[in-house]
Amino acid sequence: MKEANGVQIYENLREIIAPSHSCLIVWDVQNGLADRIFNKEEFLNNLKALLKGLGNKMPVVYTLITPPPVAFRSSWHIYAMIREGKGLQSSLRFIDGWSLADVRAALNSAPDLRHDTAPMSAAQ
């Protein structure tokens, strides 16, 4: 390890991945992706072994793919989901204590969601 202008420069893999200043990022291991790889079982078994071997030696961070809004998805992606019997997914957060007007406003602001209350008046 070297130091230049107060910055530590790691010179080999052992120094780079030292648990004292590293974490493992498990990137996008979701069913939708892992199901599509040719060596799924080998991949998942190796990942489990790696995580077990790490124990509490190093932090592990998991990431998820958040699908883009429907307007930005390819037509092939939408067709594939329909063909597989999966609906298009979107998320919306409701806050406890909201009025019906608050819920309707949240639904109106969600571009991927269509709801039947949109044309109704506030009194309805």
Protein backbone atom coordinates (compact mmCIF):
# COMPACT_ATOMS: atom_id res chain seq x y z
CA MET A 1 0.00 0.00 0.00
CA LYS A 2 1.22 3.48 -0.83
CA GLU A 3 0.10 6.90 0.22
CA ALA A 4 -0.03 9.96 -2.02
CA ASN A 5 -1.29 13.34 -0.82
CA GLY A 6 -3.04 11.70 2.13
CA VAL A 7 -4.83 9.13 -0.05
CA GLN A 8 -4.16 5.42 0.40
CA ILE A 9 -3.45 3.61 -2.86
CA TYR A 10 -3.98 -0.14 -2.75
CA GLU A 11 -1.51 -2.12 -4.82
CA ASN A 12 -2.92 -5.64 -4.89
CA LEU A 13 -6.23 -7.47 -4.67
CA ARG A 14 -5.79 -8.40 -1.00
CA GLU A 15 -5.43 -4.73 -0.07
CA ILE A 16 -8.29 -3.65 -2.35
CA ILE A 17 -10.85 -6.05 -0.88
CA ALA A 18 -9.82 -5.84 2.78
CA PRO A 19 -13.04 -6.01 4.84
CA SER A 20 -12.09 -2.94 6.85
CA HIS A 21 -12.90 -0.68 3.89
CA SER A 22 -14.92 -2.81 1.46
CA CYS A 23 -18.38 -4.20 0.96
CA LEU A 24 -19.84 -6.80 -1.37
CA ILE A 25 -22.54 -5.54 -3.71
CA VAL A 26 -24.93 -8.27 -4.85
CA TRP A 27 -26.19 -6.62 -7.99
CA ASP A 28 -29.62 -7.35 -9.45
CA VAL A 29 -30.05 -10.97 -8.37
CA GLN A 30 -33.78 -11.19 -8.81
CA ASN A 31 -35.87 -14.09 -10.02
CA GLY A 32 -36.56 -12.39 -13.33
CA LEU A 33 -32.85 -12.12 -14.07
CA ALA A 34 -31.47 -15.22 -12.37
CA ASP A 35 -34.08 -17.36 -14.15
CA ARG A 36 -32.64 -16.29 -17.50
CA ILE A 37 -28.99 -17.21 -16.98
CA PHE A 38 -27.73 -20.49 -18.40
CA ASN A 39 -26.04 -21.65 -15.18
CA LYS A 40 -28.67 -20.52 -12.67
CA GLU A 41 -28.18 -23.31 -10.14
CA GLU A 42 -24.40 -23.03 -10.18
CA PHE A 43 -24.61 -19.24 -9.88
CA LEU A 44 -27.03 -19.30 -6.93
CA ASN A 45 -25.11 -22.07 -5.13
CA ASN A 46 -21.84 -20.16 -5.52
CA LEU A 47 -23.48 -16.94 -4.32
CA LYS A 48 -24.88 -18.70 -1.24
CA ALA A 49 -21.48 -20.22 -0.49
CA LEU A 50 -19.79 -16.83 -0.87
CA LEU A 51 -22.28 -15.13 1.45
CA LYS A 52 -21.98 -17.92 4.01
CA GLY A 53 -18.19 -17.73 3.85
CA LEU A 54 -18.24 -13.99 4.43
CA GLY A 55 -20.24 -14.32 7.62
CA ASN A 56 -20.02 -10.92 9.29
CA LYS A 57 -16.56 -10.12 7.93
CA MET A 58 -17.79 -7.62 5.35
CA PRO A 59 -21.03 -5.70 4.80
CA VAL A 60 -23.25 -6.98 1.98
CA VAL A 61 -25.44 -4.59 -0.03
CA TYR A 62 -28.28 -5.89 -2.20
CA THR A 63 -29.65 -3.89 -5.10
CA LEU A 64 -32.86 -4.22 -7.10
CA ILE A 65 -33.75 -3.22 -10.57
CA THR A 66 -36.60 -0.76 -10.56
CA PRO A 67 -38.46 -1.09 -13.83
CA PRO A 68 -38.79 2.15 -15.77
CA PRO A 69 -42.25 3.64 -16.25
CA VAL A 70 -44.36 1.83 -18.86
CA ALA A 71 -43.88 4.68 -21.32
CA PHE A 72 -40.15 3.90 -21.42
CA ARG A 73 -40.38 0.11 -21.67
CA SER A 74 -39.89 -1.59 -24.98
CA SER A 75 -42.89 -3.08 -26.72
CA TRP A 76 -41.10 -6.45 -26.64
CA HIS A 77 -40.82 -6.26 -22.84
CA ILE A 78 -44.54 -5.50 -22.49
CA TYR A 79 -45.45 -8.26 -24.95
CA ALA A 80 -43.24 -10.78 -23.10
CA MET A 81 -44.88 -9.92 -19.78
CA ILE A 82 -48.36 -10.33 -21.25
CA ARG A 83 -47.36 -13.61 -22.90
CA GLU A 84 -46.04 -14.91 -19.56
CA GLY A 85 -49.30 -13.96 -17.85
CA LYS A 86 -47.67 -11.22 -15.80
CA GLY A 87 -49.29 -7.85 -15.51
CA LEU A 88 -47.38 -4.63 -15.71
CA GLN A 89 -46.24 -3.71 -12.24
CA SER A 90 -46.13 -0.30 -10.74
CA SER A 91 -45.92 0.91 -7.18
CA LEU A 92 -47.76 3.58 -5.30
CA ARG A 93 -47.49 4.48 -1.63
CA PHE A 94 -50.59 5.24 0.42
CA ILE A 95 -50.17 7.03 3.72
CA ASP A 96 -52.29 6.01 6.71
CA GLY A 97 -54.81 8.74 7.45
CA TRP A 98 -55.19 9.96 3.87
CA SER A 99 -58.61 11.08 2.74
CA LEU A 100 -60.20 9.70 -0.41
CA ALA A 101 -59.18 12.93 -2.16
CA ASP A 102 -55.54 12.26 -1.19
CA VAL A 103 -55.74 8.72 -2.55
CA ARG A 104 -57.29 9.92 -5.81
CA ALA A 105 -54.63 12.62 -6.18
CA ALA A 106 -51.90 10.01 -5.72
CA LEU A 107 -53.55 7.74 -8.30
CA ASN A 108 -53.85 10.67 -10.72
CA SER A 109 -50.15 11.45 -10.35
CA ALA A 110 -49.09 7.86 -11.12
CA PRO A 111 -48.60 7.76 -14.92
CA ASP A 112 -48.57 3.95 -15.10
CA LEU A 113 -51.84 3.47 -13.23
CA ARG A 114 -55.35 3.87 -14.55
CA HIS A 115 -58.20 4.03 -12.10
CA ASP A 116 -61.94 4.21 -12.38
CA THR A 117 -62.36 7.16 -10.03
CA ALA A 118 -60.52 9.62 -12.31
CA PRO A 119 -63.65 11.03 -14.01
CA MET A 120 -65.69 11.19 -10.76
CA SER A 121 -66.34 14.43 -8.93
CA ALA A 122 -65.10 14.98 -5.38
CA ALA A 123 -68.65 14.45 -4.09
CA GLN A 124 -68.86 11.02 -5.64
